[in-house]
Amino acid sequence: YSDFCTNLWCYDNFGAMWSVAYTPTIGVSVHHPVHRMVQFNYEEHNF
């Protein structure tokens, strides 16, 4: 489970944000939400 998350937040170095969350239909048992956020670094803004 080291890389697993239920909620992923992604944004880039231009400030744009996009996120996605898991739904219970995928059949994975979790005790609580697992949130992770990463930054993508681009040369140009491209949502």
All heavy atoms as atom14 arrays in JSON, in Angstrom:
{
  "sequence": "YSDFCTNLWCYDNFGAMWSVAYTPTIGVSVHHPVHRMVQFNYEEHNF",
  "atom14_mask": [
    [1, 1, 1, 1, 1, 1, 1, 1, 1, 1, 1, 1, 0, 0],
    [1, 1, 1, 1, 1, 1, 0, 0, 0, 0, 0, 0, 0, 0],
    [1, 1, 1, 1, 1, 1, 1, 1, 0, 0, 0, 0, 0, 0],
    [1, 1, 1, 1, 1, 1, 1, 1, 1, 1, 1, 0, 0, 0],
    [1, 1, 1, 1, 1, 1, 0, 0, 0, 0, 0, 0, 0, 0],
    [1, 1, 1, 1, 1, 1, 1, 0, 0, 0, 0, 0, 0, 0],
    [1, 1, 1, 1, 1, 1, 1, 1, 0, 0, 0, 0, 0, 0],
    [1, 1, 1, 1, 1, 1, 1, 1, 0, 0, 0, 0, 0, 0],
    [1, 1, 1, 1, 1, 1, 1, 1, 1, 1, 1, 1, 1, 1],
    [1, 1, 1, 1, 1, 1, 0, 0, 0, 0, 0, 0, 0, 0],
    [1, 1, 1, 1, 1, 1, 1, 1, 1, 1, 1, 1, 0, 0],
    [1, 1, 1, 1, 1, 1, 1, 1, 0, 0, 0, 0, 0, 0],
    [1, 1, 1, 1, 1, 1, 1, 1, 0, 0, 0, 0, 0, 0],
    [1, 1, 1, 1, 1, 1, 1, 1, 1, 1, 1, 0, 0, 0],
    [1, 1, 1, 1, 0, 0, 0, 0, 0, 0, 0, 0, 0, 0],
    [1, 1, 1, 1, 1, 0, 0, 0, 0, 0, 0, 0, 0, 0],
    [1, 1, 1, 1, 1, 1, 1, 1, 0, 0, 0, 0, 0, 0],
    [1, 1, 1, 1, 1, 1, 1, 1, 1, 1, 1, 1, 1, 1],
    [1, 1, 1, 1, 1, 1, 0, 0, 0, 0, 0, 0, 0, 0],
    [1, 1, 1, 1, 1, 1, 1, 0, 0, 0, 0, 0, 0, 0],
    [1, 1, 1, 1, 1, 0, 0, 0, 0, 0, 0, 0, 0, 0],
    [1, 1, 1, 1, 1, 1, 1, 1, 1, 1, 1, 1, 0, 0],
    [1, 1, 1, 1, 1, 1, 1, 0, 0, 0, 0, 0, 0, 0],
    [1, 1, 1, 1, 1, 1, 1, 0, 0, 0, 0, 0, 0, 0],
    [1, 1, 1, 1, 1, 1, 1, 0, 0, 0, 0, 0, 0, 0],
    [1, 1, 1, 1, 1, 1, 1, 1, 0, 0, 0, 0, 0, 0],
    [1, 1, 1, 1, 0, 0, 0, 0, 0, 0, 0, 0, 0, 0],
    [1, 1, 1, 1, 1, 1, 1, 0, 0, 0, 0, 0, 0, 0],
    [1, 1, 1, 1, 1, 1, 0, 0, 0, 0, 0, 0, 0, 0],
    [1, 1, 1, 1, 1, 1, 1, 0, 0, 0, 0, 0, 0, 0],
    [1, 1, 1, 1, 1, 1, 1, 1, 1, 1, 0, 0, 0, 0],
    [1, 1, 1, 1, 1, 1, 1, 1, 1, 1, 0, 0, 0, 0],
    [1, 1, 1, 1, 1, 1, 1, 0, 0, 0, 0, 0, 0, 0],
    [1, 1, 1, 1, 1, 1, 1, 0, 0, 0, 0, 0, 0, 0],
    [1, 1, 1, 1, 1, 1, 1, 1, 1, 1, 0, 0, 0, 0],
    [1, 1, 1, 1, 1, 1, 1, 1, 1, 1, 1, 0, 0, 0],
    [1, 1, 1, 1, 1, 1, 1, 1, 0, 0, 0, 0, 0, 0],
    [1, 1, 1, 1, 1, 1, 1, 0, 0, 0, 0, 0, 0, 0],
    [1, 1, 1, 1, 1, 1, 1, 1, 1, 0, 0, 0, 0, 0],
    [1, 1, 1, 1, 1, 1, 1, 1, 1, 1, 1, 0, 0, 0],
    [1, 1, 1, 1, 1, 1, 1, 1, 0, 0, 0, 0, 0, 0],
    [1, 1, 1, 1, 1, 1, 1, 1, 1, 1, 1, 1, 0, 0],
    [1, 1, 1, 1, 1, 1, 1, 1, 1, 0, 0, 0, 0, 0],
    [1, 1, 1, 1, 1, 1, 1, 1, 1, 0, 0, 0, 0, 0],
    [1, 1, 1, 1, 1, 1, 1, 1, 1, 1, 0, 0, 0, 0],
    [1, 1, 1, 1, 1, 1, 1, 1, 0, 0, 0, 0, 0, 0],
    [1, 1, 1, 1, 1, 1, 1, 1, 1, 1, 1, 0, 0, 0]
  ],
  "atom14_positions": [
    [[0.82, -1.21, 0.0], [0.0, 0.0, 0.0], [0.86, 1.27, 0.0], [0.33, 2.36, 0.18], [-0.91, 0.02, 1.24], [-2.23, -0.7, 1.07], [-2.3, -2.08, 1.1], [-3.41, 0.01, 0.87], [-3.5, -2.75, 0.95], [-4.63, -0.64, 0.71], [-4.67, -2.03, 0.76], [-5.87, -2.68, 0.61], [0.0, 0.0, 0.0], [0.0, 0.0, 0.0]],
    [[2.17, 1.16, -0.2], [3.05, 2.32, -0.02], [2.75, 3.44, -1.0], [2.95, 4.62, -0.69], [4.51, 1.88, -0.13], [4.78, 1.31, -1.4], [0.0, 0.0, 0.0], [0.0, 0.0, 0.0], [0.0, 0.0, 0.0], [0.0, 0.0, 0.0], [0.0, 0.0, 0.0], [0.0, 0.0, 0.0], [0.0, 0.0, 0.0], [0.0, 0.0, 0.0]],
    [[2.3, 3.13, -2.22], [2.01, 4.16, -3.2], [0.51, 4.4, -3.38], [0.1, 5.21, -4.21], [2.6, 3.78, -4.57], [4.11, 3.89, -4.58], [4.65, 4.67, -3.79], [4.75, 3.18, -5.38], [0.0, 0.0, 0.0], [0.0, 0.0, 0.0], [0.0, 0.0, 0.0], [0.0, 0.0, 0.0], [0.0, 0.0, 0.0], [0.0, 0.0, 0.0]],
    [[-0.3, 3.71, -2.62], [-1.75, 3.79, -2.8], [-2.31, 5.08, -2.22], [-1.84, 5.59, -1.2], [-2.41, 2.59, -2.09], [-3.9, 2.68, -1.98], [-4.7, 2.44, -3.09], [-4.5, 3.02, -0.78], [-6.08, 2.52, -2.99], [-5.88, 3.1, -0.67], [-6.66, 2.85, -1.78], [0.0, 0.0, 0.0], [0.0, 0.0, 0.0], [0.0, 0.0, 0.0]],
    [[-3.31, 5.65, -2.89], [-4.03, 6.79, -2.33], [-5.48, 6.76, -2.82], [-5.79, 6.15, -3.85], [-3.37, 8.12, -2.7], [-3.54, 8.61, -4.42], [0.0, 0.0, 0.0], [0.0, 0.0, 0.0], [0.0, 0.0, 0.0], [0.0, 0.0, 0.0], [0.0, 0.0, 0.0], [0.0, 0.0, 0.0], [0.0, 0.0, 0.0], [0.0, 0.0, 0.0]],
    [[-6.33, 7.39, -2.06], [-7.75, 7.48, -2.44], [-8.08, 8.82, -3.07], [-9.09, 8.95, -3.75], [-8.65, 7.28, -1.21], [-8.4, 8.33, -0.26], [-8.4, 5.93, -0.56], [0.0, 0.0, 0.0], [0.0, 0.0, 0.0], [0.0, 0.0, 0.0], [0.0, 0.0, 0.0], [0.0, 0.0, 0.0], [0.0, 0.0, 0.0], [0.0, 0.0, 0.0]],
    [[-7.26, 9.83, -2.79], [-7.47, 11.17, -3.33], [-6.13, 11.72, -3.83], [-5.18, 11.8, -3.04], [-8.04, 12.11, -2.27], [-9.37, 11.64, -1.72], [-9.42, 10.66, -0.98], [-10.43, 12.33, -2.08], [0.0, 0.0, 0.0], [0.0, 0.0, 0.0], [0.0, 0.0, 0.0], [0.0, 0.0, 0.0], [0.0, 0.0, 0.0], [0.0, 0.0, 0.0]],
    [[-6.07, 12.08, -5.1], [-4.84, 12.59, -5.68], [-5.07, 14.02, -6.17], [-5.99, 14.29, -6.94], [-4.38, 11.7, -6.85], [-3.12, 12.16, -7.58], [-1.91, 12.12, -6.65], [-2.87, 11.29, -8.82], [0.0, 0.0, 0.0], [0.0, 0.0, 0.0], [0.0, 0.0, 0.0], [0.0, 0.0, 0.0], [0.0, 0.0, 0.0], [0.0, 0.0, 0.0]],
    [[-4.21, 14.93, -5.69], [-4.28, 16.33, -6.08], [-3.05, 16.64, -6.94], [-1.92, 16.41, -6.53], [-4.28, 17.24, -4.85], [-5.37, 16.9, -3.87], [-5.36, 15.9, -2.94], [-6.64, 17.54, -3.75], [-6.53, 15.87, -2.23], [-7.35, 16.87, -2.71], [-7.25, 18.61, -4.4], [-8.61, 17.24, -2.32], [-8.53, 18.98, -4.0], [-9.19, 18.3, -2.99]],
    [[-3.29, 17.18, -8.11], [-2.21, 17.48, -9.04], [-2.26, 18.97, -9.41], [-3.34, 19.49, -9.71], [-2.33, 16.65, -10.32], [-2.36, 14.86, -10.06], [0.0, 0.0, 0.0], [0.0, 0.0, 0.0], [0.0, 0.0, 0.0], [0.0, 0.0, 0.0], [0.0, 0.0, 0.0], [0.0, 0.0, 0.0], [0.0, 0.0, 0.0], [0.0, 0.0, 0.0]],
    [[-1.14, 19.64, -9.38], [-1.08, 21.01, -9.86], [0.25, 21.22, -10.55], [1.19, 20.43, -10.39], [-1.31, 22.02, -8.74], [-0.22, 22.11, -7.71], [0.66, 23.19, -7.7], [-0.08, 21.14, -6.72], [1.65, 23.29, -6.75], [0.9, 21.24, -5.77], [1.77, 22.31, -5.78], [2.76, 22.41, -4.82], [0.0, 0.0, 0.0], [0.0, 0.0, 0.0]],
    [[0.33, 22.26, -11.37], [1.57, 22.51, -12.09], [2.23, 23.78, -11.59], [1.7, 24.47, -10.7], [1.35, 22.54, -13.6], [0.45, 23.69, -14.05], [0.26, 24.64, -13.27], [-0.05, 23.63, -15.18], [0.0, 0.0, 0.0], [0.0, 0.0, 0.0], [0.0, 0.0, 0.0], [0.0, 0.0, 0.0], [0.0, 0.0, 0.0], [0.0, 0.0, 0.0]],
    [[3.39, 24.08, -12.13], [4.15, 25.24, -11.68], [3.55, 26.56, -12.17], [4.1, 27.63, -11.9], [5.61, 25.12, -12.13], [5.75, 24.74, -13.6], [5.15, 23.78, -14.06], [6.53, 25.5, -14.35], [0.0, 0.0, 0.0], [0.0, 0.0, 0.0], [0.0, 0.0, 0.0], [0.0, 0.0, 0.0], [0.0, 0.0, 0.0], [0.0, 0.0, 0.0]],
    [[2.4, 26.5, -12.88], [1.7, 27.71, -13.29], [0.44, 27.93, -12.44], [-0.33, 28.84, -12.7], [1.32, 27.63, -14.77], [2.5, 27.62, -15.69], [3.04, 26.43, -16.11], [3.09, 28.8, -16.11], [4.14, 26.4, -16.95], [4.2, 28.79, -16.95], [4.73, 27.59, -17.37], [0.0, 0.0, 0.0], [0.0, 0.0, 0.0], [0.0, 0.0, 0.0]],
    [[0.23, 27.04, -11.45], [-0.89, 27.23, -10.53], [-2.16, 26.49, -10.9], [-3.14, 26.55, -10.15], [0.0, 0.0, 0.0], [0.0, 0.0, 0.0], [0.0, 0.0, 0.0], [0.0, 0.0, 0.0], [0.0, 0.0, 0.0], [0.0, 0.0, 0.0], [0.0, 0.0, 0.0], [0.0, 0.0, 0.0], [0.0, 0.0, 0.0], [0.0, 0.0, 0.0]],
    [[-2.19, 25.79, -12.03], [-3.39, 25.03, -12.41], [-3.53, 23.81, -11.51], [-2.54, 23.22, -11.07], [-3.3, 24.61, -13.86], [0.0, 0.0, 0.0], [0.0, 0.0, 0.0], [0.0, 0.0, 0.0], [0.0, 0.0, 0.0], [0.0, 0.0, 0.0], [0.0, 0.0, 0.0], [0.0, 0.0, 0.0], [0.0, 0.0, 0.0], [0.0, 0.0, 0.0]],
    [[-4.78, 23.42, -11.2], [-5.05, 22.32, -10.27], [-6.03, 21.33, -10.9], [-6.97, 21.72, -11.6], [-5.63, 22.88, -8.97], [-6.07, 21.84, -7.96], [-4.69, 21.05, -7.14], [-4.18, 22.36, -6.03], [0.0, 0.0, 0.0], [0.0, 0.0, 0.0], [0.0, 0.0, 0.0], [0.0, 0.0, 0.0], [0.0, 0.0, 0.0], [0.0, 0.0, 0.0]],
    [[-5.79, 20.05, -10.63], [-6.71, 18.99, -11.05], [-6.68, 17.9, -9.99], [-5.61, 17.61, -9.43], [-6.29, 18.41, -12.39], [-7.16, 17.27, -12.88], [-8.34, 17.35, -13.54], [-6.89, 15.87, -12.74], [-8.84, 16.1, -13.83], [-7.96, 15.16, -13.34], [-5.86, 15.14, -12.16], [-8.02, 13.77, -13.38], [-5.91, 13.75, -12.19], [-6.98, 13.08, -12.8]],
    [[-7.81, 17.32, -9.68], [-7.85, 16.29, -8.63], [-8.78, 15.17, -9.04], [-9.65, 15.32, -9.91], [-8.3, 16.9, -7.3], [-9.64, 17.36, -7.39], [0.0, 0.0, 0.0], [0.0, 0.0, 0.0], [0.0, 0.0, 0.0], [0.0, 0.0, 0.0], [0.0, 0.0, 0.0], [0.0, 0.0, 0.0], [0.0, 0.0, 0.0], [0.0, 0.0, 0.0]],
    [[-8.61, 14.03, -8.38], [-9.44, 12.87, -8.63], [-9.52, 12.07, -7.34], [-8.59, 12.09, -6.52], [-8.84, 12.0, -9.77], [-7.48, 11.46, -9.4], [-9.78, 10.86, -10.17], [0.0, 0.0, 0.0], [0.0, 0.0, 0.0], [0.0, 0.0, 0.0], [0.0, 0.0, 0.0], [0.0, 0.0, 0.0], [0.0, 0.0, 0.0], [0.0, 0.0, 0.0]],
    [[-10.65, 11.4, -7.11], [-10.85, 10.61, -5.89], [-11.43, 9.26, -6.24], [-12.13, 9.11, -7.24], [-11.77, 11.36, -4.92], [0.0, 0.0, 0.0], [0.0, 0.0, 0.0], [0.0, 0.0, 0.0], [0.0, 0.0, 0.0], [0.0, 0.0, 0.0], [0.0, 0.0, 0.0], [0.0, 0.0, 0.0], [0.0, 0.0, 0.0], [0.0, 0.0, 0.0]],
    [[-11.14, 8.27, -5.41], [-11.63, 6.93, -5.65], [-13.09, 6.79, -5.2], [-13.56, 7.56, -4.36], [-10.72, 5.92, -4.94], [-11.3, 5.23, -3.73], [-11.51, 3.85, -3.75], [-11.63, 5.92, -2.57], [-12.01, 3.2, -2.65], [-12.13, 5.28, -1.46], [-12.32, 3.91, -1.5], [-12.83, 3.26, -0.42], [0.0, 0.0, 0.0], [0.0, 0.0, 0.0]],
    [[-13.79, 5.86, -5.75], [-15.16, 5.56, -5.34], [-15.2, 4.16, -4.76], [-14.38, 3.3, -5.12], [-16.13, 5.63, -6.54], [-15.7, 4.68, -7.52], [-16.1, 7.02, -7.16], [0.0, 0.0, 0.0], [0.0, 0.0, 0.0], [0.0, 0.0, 0.0], [0.0, 0.0, 0.0], [0.0, 0.0, 0.0], [0.0, 0.0, 0.0], [0.0, 0.0, 0.0]],
    [[-16.11, 3.89, -3.84], [-16.14, 2.57, -3.18], [-16.35, 1.41, -4.15], [-16.12, 0.25, -3.79], [-17.33, 2.7, -2.22], [-17.48, 4.17, -2.0], [-17.09, 4.81, -3.28], [0.0, 0.0, 0.0], [0.0, 0.0, 0.0], [0.0, 0.0, 0.0], [0.0, 0.0, 0.0], [0.0, 0.0, 0.0], [0.0, 0.0, 0.0], [0.0, 0.0, 0.0]],
    [[-16.74, 1.7, -5.39], [-17.03, 0.61, -6.32], [-15.79, -0.13, -6.77], [-15.9, -1.2, -7.37], [-17.75, 1.17, -7.57], [-16.93, 2.18, -8.16], [-19.08, 1.77, -7.19], [0.0, 0.0, 0.0], [0.0, 0.0, 0.0], [0.0, 0.0, 0.0], [0.0, 0.0, 0.0], [0.0, 0.0, 0.0], [0.0, 0.0, 0.0], [0.0, 0.0, 0.0]],
    [[-14.58, 0.41, -6.52], [-13.38, -0.29, -6.98], [-13.05, -1.5, -6.12], [-12.2, -2.3, -6.48], [-12.17, 0.65, -7.03], [-11.75, 1.09, -5.61], [-12.42, 1.85, -7.91], [-10.45, 1.84, -5.57], [0.0, 0.0, 0.0], [0.0, 0.0, 0.0], [0.0, 0.0, 0.0], [0.0, 0.0, 0.0], [0.0, 0.0, 0.0], [0.0, 0.0, 0.0]],
    [[-13.71, -1.64, -4.96], [-13.56, -2.86, -4.18], [-12.31, -2.93, -3.33], [-11.88, -4.01, -2.94], [0.0, 0.0, 0.0], [0.0, 0.0, 0.0], [0.0, 0.0, 0.0], [0.0, 0.0, 0.0], [0.0, 0.0, 0.0], [0.0, 0.0, 0.0], [0.0, 0.0, 0.0], [0.0, 0.0, 0.0], [0.0, 0.0, 0.0], [0.0, 0.0, 0.0]],
    [[-11.69, -1.8, -3.0], [-10.51, -1.77, -2.14], [-10.95, -1.34, -0.74], [-11.57, -0.29, -0.58], [-9.43, -0.83, -2.68], [-8.25, -0.75, -1.72], [-8.96, -1.29, -4.04], [0.0, 0.0, 0.0], [0.0, 0.0, 0.0], [0.0, 0.0, 0.0], [0.0, 0.0, 0.0], [0.0, 0.0, 0.0], [0.0, 0.0, 0.0], [0.0, 0.0, 0.0]],
    [[-10.6, -2.13, 0.26], [-10.97, -1.8, 1.63], [-9.95, -0.85, 2.23], [-8.76, -1.15, 2.26], [-11.05, -3.08, 2.47], [-12.04, -3.95, 1.96], [0.0, 0.0, 0.0], [0.0, 0.0, 0.0], [0.0, 0.0, 0.0], [0.0, 0.0, 0.0], [0.0, 0.0, 0.0], [0.0, 0.0, 0.0], [0.0, 0.0, 0.0], [0.0, 0.0, 0.0]],
    [[-10.43, 0.31, 2.72], [-9.54, 1.28, 3.36], [-10.21, 1.77, 4.65], [-11.43, 1.86, 4.74], [-9.24, 2.48, 2.44], [-8.38, 2.05, 1.27], [-10.52, 3.13, 1.94], [0.0, 0.0, 0.0], [0.0, 0.0, 0.0], [0.0, 0.0, 0.0], [0.0, 0.0, 0.0], [0.0, 0.0, 0.0], [0.0, 0.0, 0.0], [0.0, 0.0, 0.0]],
    [[-9.38, 2.08, 5.64], [-9.89, 2.56, 6.91], [-10.24, 4.03, 6.86], [-11.22, 4.49, 7.47], [-8.85, 2.32, 8.01], [-9.23, 2.86, 9.35], [-8.82, 4.1, 9.81], [-10.02, 2.33, 10.33], [-9.32, 4.31, 11.01], [-10.05, 3.26, 11.36], [0.0, 0.0, 0.0], [0.0, 0.0, 0.0], [0.0, 0.0, 0.0], [0.0, 0.0, 0.0]],
    [[-9.45, 4.8, 6.11], [-9.66, 6.24, 6.04], [-9.11, 6.74, 4.7], [-8.32, 6.05, 4.05], [-8.94, 6.94, 7.19], [-7.48, 6.63, 7.26], [-6.98, 5.59, 8.01], [-6.42, 7.19, 6.63], [-5.68, 5.53, 7.86], [-5.3, 6.49, 7.02], [0.0, 0.0, 0.0], [0.0, 0.0, 0.0], [0.0, 0.0, 0.0], [0.0, 0.0, 0.0]],
    [[-9.53, 7.93, 4.29], [-9.0, 8.47, 3.02], [-7.49, 8.67, 3.09], [-6.94, 9.04, 4.13], [-9.74, 9.81, 2.88], [-10.95, 9.67, 3.74], [-10.56, 8.8, 4.89], [0.0, 0.0, 0.0], [0.0, 0.0, 0.0], [0.0, 0.0, 0.0], [0.0, 0.0, 0.0], [0.0, 0.0, 0.0], [0.0, 0.0, 0.0], [0.0, 0.0, 0.0]],
    [[-6.84, 8.44, 1.97], [-5.39, 8.64, 1.87], [-5.16, 9.7, 0.8], [-5.42, 9.47, -0.39], [-4.68, 7.33, 1.48], [-3.17, 7.56, 1.39], [-5.0, 6.22, 2.49], [0.0, 0.0, 0.0], [0.0, 0.0, 0.0], [0.0, 0.0, 0.0], [0.0, 0.0, 0.0], [0.0, 0.0, 0.0], [0.0, 0.0, 0.0], [0.0, 0.0, 0.0]],
    [[-4.7, 10.9, 1.21], [-4.53, 12.03, 0.31], [-3.06, 12.16, -0.1], [-2.16, 12.02, 0.72], [-4.98, 13.34, 0.97], [-6.44, 13.37, 1.28], [-7.38, 13.86, 0.4], [-7.13, 12.97, 2.39], [-8.58, 13.76, 0.94], [-8.46, 13.23, 2.15], [0.0, 0.0, 0.0], [0.0, 0.0, 0.0], [0.0, 0.0, 0.0], [0.0, 0.0, 0.0]],
    [[-2.83, 12.44, -1.37], [-1.49, 12.72, -1.88], [-1.58, 13.88, -2.86], [-2.59, 14.04, -3.57], [-0.9, 11.51, -2.58], [-0.65, 10.3, -1.68], [0.51, 10.56, -0.73], [0.79, 9.38, 0.1], [0.28, 9.17, 1.3], [-0.57, 10.06, 1.82], [0.6, 8.09, 1.98], [0.0, 0.0, 0.0], [0.0, 0.0, 0.0], [0.0, 0.0, 0.0]],
    [[-0.53, 14.7, -2.89], [-0.48, 15.8, -3.84], [0.9, 15.86, -4.47], [1.91, 15.67, -3.8], [-0.8, 17.13, -3.16], [-0.86, 18.32, -4.14], [-1.57, 19.82, -3.41], [-0.31, 20.29, -2.27], [0.0, 0.0, 0.0], [0.0, 0.0, 0.0], [0.0, 0.0, 0.0], [0.0, 0.0, 0.0], [0.0, 0.0, 0.0], [0.0, 0.0, 0.0]],
    [[0.93, 16.1, -5.77], [2.2, 16.22, -6.5], [2.15, 17.44, -7.39], [1.07, 17.93, -7.75], [2.5, 14.97, -7.36], [2.66, 13.73, -6.51], [1.41, 14.77, -8.41], [0.0, 0.0, 0.0], [0.0, 0.0, 0.0], [0.0, 0.0, 0.0], [0.0, 0.0, 0.0], [0.0, 0.0, 0.0], [0.0, 0.0, 0.0], [0.0, 0.0, 0.0]],
    [[3.33, 17.92, -7.74], [3.44, 19.04, -8.67], [4.08, 18.55, -9.96], [5.06, 17.82, -9.94], [4.29, 20.17, -8.09], [4.55, 21.3, -9.09], [5.32, 22.45, -8.49], [4.91, 23.01, -7.47], [6.45, 22.8, -9.11], [0.0, 0.0, 0.0], [0.0, 0.0, 0.0], [0.0, 0.0, 0.0], [0.0, 0.0, 0.0], [0.0, 0.0, 0.0]],
    [[3.5, 18.95, -11.08], [4.09, 18.68, -12.39], [4.75, 19.97, -12.88], [4.14, 21.04, -12.83], [3.02, 18.23, -13.39], [2.47, 16.87, -13.1], [1.43, 16.69, -12.21], [2.99, 15.75, -13.74], [0.92, 15.44, -11.94], [2.49, 14.48, -13.48], [1.45, 14.32, -12.58], [0.0, 0.0, 0.0], [0.0, 0.0, 0.0], [0.0, 0.0, 0.0]],
    [[5.97, 19.87, -13.34], [6.73, 21.04, -13.79], [6.84, 21.05, -15.31], [7.4, 20.11, -15.89], [8.12, 21.03, -13.16], [8.05, 21.1, -11.65], [7.58, 22.08, -11.09], [8.49, 20.05, -10.98], [0.0, 0.0, 0.0], [0.0, 0.0, 0.0], [0.0, 0.0, 0.0], [0.0, 0.0, 0.0], [0.0, 0.0, 0.0], [0.0, 0.0, 0.0]],
    [[6.29, 22.06, -15.93], [6.26, 22.15, -17.39], [6.95, 23.43, -17.86], [7.1, 24.4, -17.11], [4.81, 22.15, -17.89], [4.01, 20.95, -17.49], [2.74, 21.08, -16.93], [4.5, 19.66, -17.67], [1.98, 19.98, -16.56], [3.76, 18.54, -17.31], [2.51, 18.7, -16.74], [1.77, 17.6, -16.39], [0.0, 0.0, 0.0], [0.0, 0.0, 0.0]],
    [[7.31, 23.4, -19.13], [7.89, 24.59, -19.75], [6.8, 25.61, -20.08], [7.03, 26.82, -20.04], [8.64, 24.21, -21.03], [9.77, 23.22, -20.81], [10.95, 23.85, -20.11], [10.93, 25.08, -19.94], [11.88, 23.12, -19.73], [0.0, 0.0, 0.0], [0.0, 0.0, 0.0], [0.0, 0.0, 0.0], [0.0, 0.0, 0.0], [0.0, 0.0, 0.0]],
    [[5.62, 25.11, -20.46], [4.5, 25.98, -20.81], [3.24, 25.5, -20.13], [3.06, 24.31, -19.88], [4.28, 26.01, -22.32], [5.4, 26.64, -23.13], [5.01, 26.8, -24.58], [4.1, 27.6, -24.86], [5.61, 26.12, -25.43], [0.0, 0.0, 0.0], [0.0, 0.0, 0.0], [0.0, 0.0, 0.0], [0.0, 0.0, 0.0], [0.0, 0.0, 0.0]],
    [[2.35, 26.44, -19.83], [1.08, 26.07, -19.22], [0.22, 25.31, -20.23], [-0.01, 25.76, -21.35], [0.33, 27.32, -18.75], [-1.04, 27.02, -18.24], [-1.26, 26.18, -17.17], [-2.27, 27.43, -18.66], [-2.57, 26.1, -16.96], [-3.19, 26.85, -17.84], [0.0, 0.0, 0.0], [0.0, 0.0, 0.0], [0.0, 0.0, 0.0], [0.0, 0.0, 0.0]],
    [[-0.24, 24.12, -19.81], [-1.09, 23.29, -20.67], [-1.96, 22.44, -19.76], [-1.53, 21.4, -19.26], [-0.23, 22.42, -21.59], [-1.06, 21.65, -22.61], [-2.2, 21.26, -22.35], [-0.5, 21.45, -23.79], [0.0, 0.0, 0.0], [0.0, 0.0, 0.0], [0.0, 0.0, 0.0], [0.0, 0.0, 0.0], [0.0, 0.0, 0.0], [0.0, 0.0, 0.0]],
    [[-3.2, 22.89, -19.51], [-4.07, 22.17, -18.59], [-4.4, 20.78, -19.1], [-4.51, 19.82, -18.31], [-5.36, 22.97, -18.36], [-6.25, 22.36, -17.32], [-5.93, 22.44, -15.97], [-7.42, 21.69, -17.69], [-6.74, 21.86, -15.01], [-8.24, 21.11, -16.73], [-7.9, 21.19, -15.38], [0.0, 0.0, 0.0], [0.0, 0.0, 0.0], [0.0, 0.0, 0.0]]
  ]
}
